[in-house]
């Protein structure tokens, strides 16, 4: 069994509930499963959590000083 971590945002016109339902339906159609969480972001939210998870420590420090 392989585990794949997904780090990112999905831009869509549907609600979080509609997206989650469709995502789980797609995963189950493949015989796969998902363990994690979803969160609907608002206009005031940024991608800091995502960037901090994928950028090097040096790039994160550079972002903080900008």
PDB file of N, CA and C in Angstrom:
ATOM      1  N   UNK A   1       0.850  -1.177   0.000  1.00  0.00           N
ATOM      2  CA  UNK A   1       0.000   0.000   0.000  1.00  0.00           C
ATOM      3  C   UNK A   1       0.887   1.229   0.000  1.00  0.00           C
ATOM      4  N   UNK A   2       0.616   2.176  -0.874  1.00  0.00           N
ATOM      5  CA  UNK A   2       1.336   3.448  -0.926  1.00  0.00           C
ATOM      6  C   UNK A   2       0.521   4.536  -0.260  1.00  0.00           C
ATOM      7  N   UNK A   3       1.206   5.514   0.297  1.00  0.00           N
ATOM      8  CA  UNK A   3       0.553   6.686   0.874  1.00  0.00           C
ATOM      9  C   UNK A   3       1.059   7.911   0.129  1.00  0.00           C
ATOM     10  N   UNK A   4       0.137   8.748  -0.310  1.00  0.00           N
ATOM     11  CA  UNK A   4       0.469   9.971  -1.033  1.00  0.00           C
ATOM     12  C   UNK A   4      -0.098  11.152  -0.261  1.00  0.00           C
ATOM     13  N   UNK A   5       0.740  12.120   0.058  1.00  0.00           N
ATOM     14  CA  UNK A   5       0.283  13.328   0.747  1.00  0.00           C
ATOM     15  C   UNK A   5      -0.076  14.371  -0.305  1.00  0.00           C
ATOM     16  N   UNK A   6      -1.230  14.991  -0.140  1.00  0.00           N
ATOM     17  CA  UNK A   6      -1.681  16.048  -1.033  1.00  0.00           C
ATOM     18  C   UNK A   6      -1.556  17.374  -0.289  1.00  0.00           C
ATOM     19  N   UNK A   7      -0.813  18.306  -0.878  1.00  0.00           N
ATOM     20  CA  UNK A   7      -0.655  19.632  -0.281  1.00  0.00           C
ATOM     21  C   UNK A   7      -1.042  20.639  -1.355  1.00  0.00           C
ATOM     22  N   UNK A   8      -2.133  21.324  -1.155  1.00  0.00           N
ATOM     23  CA  UNK A   8      -2.546  22.282  -2.164  1.00  0.00           C
ATOM     24  C   UNK A   8      -3.968  22.755  -1.943  1.00  0.00           C
ATOM     25  N   UNK A   9      -4.428  23.560  -2.864  1.00  0.00           N
ATOM     26  CA  UNK A   9      -5.798  24.070  -2.839  1.00  0.00           C
ATOM     27  C   UNK A   9      -6.496  23.629  -4.104  1.00  0.00           C
ATOM     28  N   UNK A  10      -7.794  23.469  -4.046  1.00  0.00           N
ATOM     29  CA  UNK A  10      -8.609  23.193  -5.223  1.00  0.00           C
ATOM     30  C   UNK A  10      -9.504  24.409  -5.427  1.00  0.00           C
ATOM     31  N   UNK A  11      -9.437  25.002  -6.591  1.00  0.00           N
ATOM     32  CA  UNK A  11     -10.295  26.142  -6.918  1.00  0.00           C
ATOM     33  C   UNK A  11     -11.510  25.594  -7.659  1.00  0.00           C
ATOM     34  N   UNK A  12     -12.693  25.856  -7.121  1.00  0.00           N
ATOM     35  CA  UNK A  12     -13.911  25.269  -7.654  1.00  0.00           C
ATOM     36  C   UNK A  12     -15.092  26.203  -7.431  1.00  0.00           C
ATOM     37  N   UNK A  13     -16.185  25.888  -8.069  1.00  0.00           N
ATOM     38  CA  UNK A  13     -17.402  26.680  -7.894  1.00  0.00           C
ATOM     39  C   UNK A  13     -18.394  25.998  -6.966  1.00  0.00           C
ATOM     40  N   UNK A  14     -18.033  24.820  -6.441  1.00  0.00           N
ATOM     41  CA  UNK A  14     -18.942  24.090  -5.555  1.00  0.00           C
ATOM     42  C   UNK A  14     -18.554  24.310  -4.099  1.00  0.00           C
ATOM     43  N   UNK A  15     -19.473  23.980  -3.194  1.00  0.00           N
ATOM     44  CA  UNK A  15     -19.202  24.131  -1.763  1.00  0.00           C
ATOM     45  C   UNK A  15     -18.211  23.065  -1.292  1.00  0.00           C
ATOM     46  N   UNK A  16     -17.705  23.272  -0.085  1.00  0.00           N
ATOM     47  CA  UNK A  16     -16.789  22.286   0.513  1.00  0.00           C
ATOM     48  C   UNK A  16     -17.464  20.924   0.632  1.00  0.00           C
ATOM     49  N   UNK A  17     -18.733  20.904   1.066  1.00  0.00           N
ATOM     50  CA  UNK A  17     -19.459  19.633   1.199  1.00  0.00           C
ATOM     51  C   UNK A  17     -19.611  18.931  -0.143  1.00  0.00           C
ATOM     52  N   UNK A  18     -19.972  19.692  -1.189  1.00  0.00           N
ATOM     53  CA  UNK A  18     -20.118  19.092  -2.518  1.00  0.00           C
ATOM     54  C   UNK A  18     -18.785  18.554  -3.024  1.00  0.00           C
ATOM     55  N   UNK A  19     -17.720  19.324  -2.822  1.00  0.00           N
ATOM     56  CA  UNK A  19     -16.401  18.869  -3.241  1.00  0.00           C
ATOM     57  C   UNK A  19     -15.999  17.596  -2.503  1.00  0.00           C
ATOM     58  N   UNK A  20     -16.161  17.609  -1.180  1.00  0.00           N
ATOM     59  CA  UNK A  20     -15.774  16.459  -0.370  1.00  0.00           C
ATOM     60  C   UNK A  20     -16.545  15.210  -0.783  1.00  0.00           C
ATOM     61  N   UNK A  21     -17.845  15.353  -0.992  1.00  0.00           N
ATOM     62  CA  UNK A  21     -18.658  14.211  -1.430  1.00  0.00           C
ATOM     63  C   UNK A  21     -18.153  13.652  -2.756  1.00  0.00           C
ATOM     64  N   UNK A  22     -17.879  14.536  -3.721  1.00  0.00           N
ATOM     65  CA  UNK A  22     -17.406  14.090  -5.039  1.00  0.00           C
ATOM     66  C   UNK A  22     -16.010  13.471  -4.940  1.00  0.00           C
ATOM     67  N   UNK A  23     -15.154  14.059  -4.115  1.00  0.00           N
ATOM     68  CA  UNK A  23     -13.795  13.548  -3.933  1.00  0.00           C
ATOM     69  C   UNK A  23     -13.824  12.147  -3.332  1.00  0.00           C
ATOM     70  N   UNK A  24     -14.614  11.968  -2.288  1.00  0.00           N
ATOM     71  CA  UNK A  24     -14.700  10.652  -1.639  1.00  0.00           C
ATOM     72  C   UNK A  24     -15.323   9.632  -2.592  1.00  0.00           C
ATOM     73  N   UNK A  25     -16.337  10.037  -3.333  1.00  0.00           N
ATOM     74  CA  UNK A  25     -16.959   9.128  -4.309  1.00  0.00           C
ATOM     75  C   UNK A  25     -15.922   8.680  -5.348  1.00  0.00           C
ATOM     76  N   UNK A  26     -15.119   9.613  -5.833  1.00  0.00           N
ATOM     77  CA  UNK A  26     -14.074   9.279  -6.804  1.00  0.00           C
ATOM     78  C   UNK A  26     -13.043   8.326  -6.196  1.00  0.00           C
ATOM     79  N   UNK A  27     -12.581   8.642  -4.973  1.00  0.00           N
ATOM     80  CA  UNK A  27     -11.605   7.773  -4.313  1.00  0.00           C
ATOM     81  C   UNK A  27     -12.148   6.364  -4.134  1.00  0.00           C
ATOM     82  N   UNK A  28     -13.388   6.263  -3.638  1.00  0.00           N
ATOM     83  CA  UNK A  28     -13.976   4.945  -3.391  1.00  0.00           C
ATOM     84  C   UNK A  28     -14.184   4.180  -4.689  1.00  0.00           C
ATOM     85  N   UNK A  29     -14.449   4.880  -5.802  1.00  0.00           N
ATOM     86  CA  UNK A  29     -14.611   4.205  -7.092  1.00  0.00           C
ATOM     87  C   UNK A  29     -13.309   3.546  -7.541  1.00  0.00           C
ATOM     88  N   UNK A  30     -12.183   4.039  -7.013  1.00  0.00           N
ATOM     89  CA  UNK A  30     -10.865   3.476  -7.305  1.00  0.00           C
ATOM     90  C   UNK A  30     -10.434   2.439  -6.267  1.00  0.00           C
ATOM     91  N   UNK A  31     -11.242   2.286  -5.196  1.00  0.00           N
ATOM     92  CA  UNK A  31     -10.859   1.382  -4.117  1.00  0.00           C
ATOM     93  C   UNK A  31      -9.861   2.017  -3.164  1.00  0.00           C
ATOM     94  N   UNK A  32      -9.776   3.340  -3.173  1.00  0.00           N
ATOM     95  CA  UNK A  32      -8.839   4.078  -2.341  1.00  0.00           C
ATOM     96  C   UNK A  32      -9.574   4.702  -1.166  1.00  0.00           C
ATOM     97  N   UNK A  33      -8.816   5.255  -0.221  1.00  0.00           N
ATOM     98  CA  UNK A  33      -9.423   5.931   0.916  1.00  0.00           C
ATOM     99  C   UNK A  33      -8.630   7.198   1.228  1.00  0.00           C
ATOM    100  N   UNK A  34      -9.227   8.053   2.042  1.00  0.00           N
ATOM    101  CA  UNK A  34      -8.618   9.330   2.408  1.00  0.00           C
ATOM    102  C   UNK A  34      -8.689   9.492   3.908  1.00  0.00           C
ATOM    103  N   UNK A  35      -7.581   9.894   4.506  1.00  0.00           N
ATOM    104  CA  UNK A  35      -7.540  10.219   5.920  1.00  0.00           C
ATOM    105  C   UNK A  35      -6.965  11.619   6.022  1.00  0.00           C
ATOM    106  N   UNK A  36      -7.743  12.543   6.491  1.00  0.00           N
ATOM    107  CA  UNK A  36      -7.258  13.913   6.587  1.00  0.00           C
ATOM    108  C   UNK A  36      -8.410  14.856   6.837  1.00  0.00           C
ATOM    109  N   UNK A  37      -8.257  16.073   6.362  1.00  0.00           N
ATOM    110  CA  UNK A  37      -9.291  17.073   6.586  1.00  0.00           C
ATOM    111  C   UNK A  37      -9.377  17.985   5.377  1.00  0.00           C
ATOM    112  N   UNK A  38     -10.504  18.649   5.277  1.00  0.00           N
ATOM    113  CA  UNK A  38     -10.664  19.705   4.300  1.00  0.00           C
ATOM    114  C   UNK A  38     -11.030  20.967   5.057  1.00  0.00           C
ATOM    115  N   UNK A  39     -10.770  22.097   4.451  1.00  0.00           N
ATOM    116  CA  UNK A  39     -11.121  23.376   5.068  1.00  0.00           C
ATOM    117  C   UNK A  39     -11.451  24.354   3.954  1.00  0.00           C
ATOM    118  N   UNK A  40     -12.596  24.973   4.069  1.00  0.00           N
ATOM    119  CA  UNK A  40     -12.970  25.987   3.092  1.00  0.00           C
ATOM    120  C   UNK A  40     -12.285  27.294   3.472  1.00  0.00           C
ATOM    121  N   UNK A  41     -11.566  27.884   2.535  1.00  0.00           N
ATOM    122  CA  UNK A  41     -10.815  29.106   2.797  1.00  0.00           C
ATOM    123  C   UNK A  41     -11.614  30.319   2.353  1.00  0.00           C
ATOM    124  N   UNK A  42     -11.441  31.404   3.069  1.00  0.00           N
ATOM    125  CA  UNK A  42     -12.087  32.660   2.721  1.00  0.00           C
ATOM    126  C   UNK A  42     -11.105  33.599   2.053  1.00  0.00           C
ATOM    127  N   UNK A  43     -11.583  34.765   1.691  1.00  0.00           N
ATOM    128  CA  UNK A  43     -10.745  35.755   1.016  1.00  0.00           C
ATOM    129  C   UNK A  43      -9.550  36.192   1.866  1.00  0.00           C
ATOM    130  N   UNK A  44      -9.705  36.170   3.195  1.00  0.00           N
ATOM    131  CA  UNK A  44      -8.624  36.623   4.071  1.00  0.00           C
ATOM    132  C   UNK A  44      -7.552  35.551   4.287  1.00  0.00           C
ATOM    133  N   UNK A  45      -7.825  34.317   3.889  1.00  0.00           N
ATOM    134  CA  UNK A  45      -6.846  33.236   4.053  1.00  0.00           C
ATOM    135  C   UNK A  45      -5.801  33.306   2.953  1.00  0.00           C
ATOM    136  N   UNK A  46      -4.583  32.877   3.291  1.00  0.00           N
ATOM    137  CA  UNK A  46      -3.537  32.830   2.281  1.00  0.00           C
ATOM    138  C   UNK A  46      -2.974  31.418   2.188  1.00  0.00           C
ATOM    139  N   UNK A  47      -1.965  31.251   1.368  1.00  0.00           N
ATOM    140  CA  UNK A  47      -1.379  29.934   1.149  1.00  0.00           C
ATOM    141  C   UNK A  47      -0.171  29.683   2.037  1.00  0.00           C
ATOM    142  N   UNK A  48      -0.044  30.431   3.144  1.00  0.00           N
ATOM    143  CA  UNK A  48       1.125  30.304   4.008  1.00  0.00           C
ATOM    144  C   UNK A  48       1.352  28.895   4.515  1.00  0.00           C
ATOM    145  N   UNK A  49       0.286  28.218   4.935  1.00  0.00           N
ATOM    146  CA  UNK A  49       0.422  26.850   5.452  1.00  0.00           C
ATOM    147  C   UNK A  49       0.945  25.919   4.360  1.00  0.00           C
ATOM    148  N   UNK A  50       0.439  26.079   3.152  1.00  0.00           N
ATOM    149  CA  UNK A  50       0.877  25.237   2.046  1.00  0.00           C
ATOM    150  C   UNK A  50       2.332  25.540   1.700  1.00  0.00           C
ATOM    151  N   UNK A  51       2.641  26.827   1.549  1.00  0.00           N
ATOM    152  CA  UNK A  51       4.003  27.207   1.182  1.00  0.00           C
ATOM    153  C   UNK A  51       5.002  26.772   2.232  1.00  0.00           C
ATOM    154  N   UNK A  52       4.657  26.911   3.500  1.00  0.00           N
ATOM    155  CA  UNK A  52       5.564  26.487   4.573  1.00  0.00           C
ATOM    156  C   UNK A  52       5.830  24.988   4.502  1.00  0.00           C
ATOM    157  N   UNK A  53       4.886  24.219   4.004  1.00  0.00           N
ATOM    158  CA  UNK A  53       5.058  22.769   3.915  1.00  0.00           C
ATOM    159  C   UNK A  53       5.857  22.311   2.723  1.00  0.00           C
ATOM    160  N   UNK A  54       6.014  23.176   1.690  1.00  0.00           N
ATOM    161  CA  UNK A  54       6.707  22.722   0.487  1.00  0.00           C
ATOM    162  C   UNK A  54       7.972  23.513   0.163  1.00  0.00           C
ATOM    163  N   UNK A  55       8.124  24.683   0.765  1.00  0.00           N
ATOM    164  CA  UNK A  55       9.313  25.478   0.500  1.00  0.00           C
ATOM    165  C   UNK A  55      10.441  25.098   1.443  1.00  0.00           C
ATOM    166  N   UNK A  56      11.662  25.328   0.998  1.00  0.00           N
ATOM    167  CA  UNK A  56      12.816  25.090   1.870  1.00  0.00           C
ATOM    168  C   UNK A  56      12.779  26.087   3.027  1.00  0.00           C
ATOM    169  N   UNK A  57      13.502  25.779   4.092  1.00  0.00           N
ATOM    170  CA  UNK A  57      13.551  26.678   5.244  1.00  0.00           C
ATOM    171  C   UNK A  57      14.072  28.052   4.841  1.00  0.00           C
ATOM    172  N   UNK A  58      15.043  28.090   3.943  1.00  0.00           N
ATOM    173  CA  UNK A  58      15.605  29.366   3.488  1.00  0.00           C
ATOM    174  C   UNK A  58      14.555  30.193   2.748  1.00  0.00           C
ATOM    175  N   UNK A  59      13.764  29.556   1.905  1.00  0.00           N
ATOM    176  CA  UNK A  59      12.719  30.275   1.164  1.00  0.00           C
ATOM    177  C   UNK A  59      11.646  30.809   2.113  1.00  0.00           C
ATOM    178  N   UNK A  60      11.338  30.039   3.163  1.00  0.00           N
ATOM    179  CA  UNK A  60      10.355  30.500   4.144  1.00  0.00           C
ATOM    180  C   UNK A  60      10.891  31.725   4.868  1.00  0.00           C
ATOM    181  N   UNK A  61      12.163  31.705   5.260  1.00  0.00           N
ATOM    182  CA  UNK A  61      12.766  32.861   5.937  1.00  0.00           C
ATOM    183  C   UNK A  61      12.752  34.082   5.022  1.00  0.00           C
ATOM    184  N   UNK A  62      13.036  33.877   3.736  1.00  0.00           N
ATOM    185  CA  UNK A  62      13.003  34.977   2.772  1.00  0.00           C
ATOM    186  C   UNK A  62      11.598  35.568   2.687  1.00  0.00           C
ATOM    187  N   UNK A  63      10.575  34.731   2.692  1.00  0.00           N
ATOM    188  CA  UNK A  63       9.185  35.192   2.634  1.00  0.00           C
ATOM    189  C   UNK A  63       8.841  36.046   3.844  1.00  0.00           C
ATOM    190  N   UNK A  64       9.349  35.634   5.006  1.00  0.00           N
ATOM    191  CA  UNK A  64       9.027  36.326   6.258  1.00  0.00           C
ATOM    192  C   UNK A  64       9.650  37.714   6.305  1.00  0.00           C
ATOM    193  N   UNK A  65      10.768  37.916   5.625  1.00  0.00           N
ATOM    194  CA  UNK A  65      11.434  39.219   5.667  1.00  0.00           C
ATOM    195  C   UNK A  65      10.933  40.175   4.598  1.00  0.00           C
ATOM    196  N   UNK A  66      10.096  39.698   3.698  1.00  0.00           N
ATOM    197  CA  UNK A  66       9.539  40.568   2.644  1.00  0.00           C
ATOM    198  C   UNK A  66       8.484  41.482   3.181  1.00  0.00           C
TER     199      UNK A  66
END
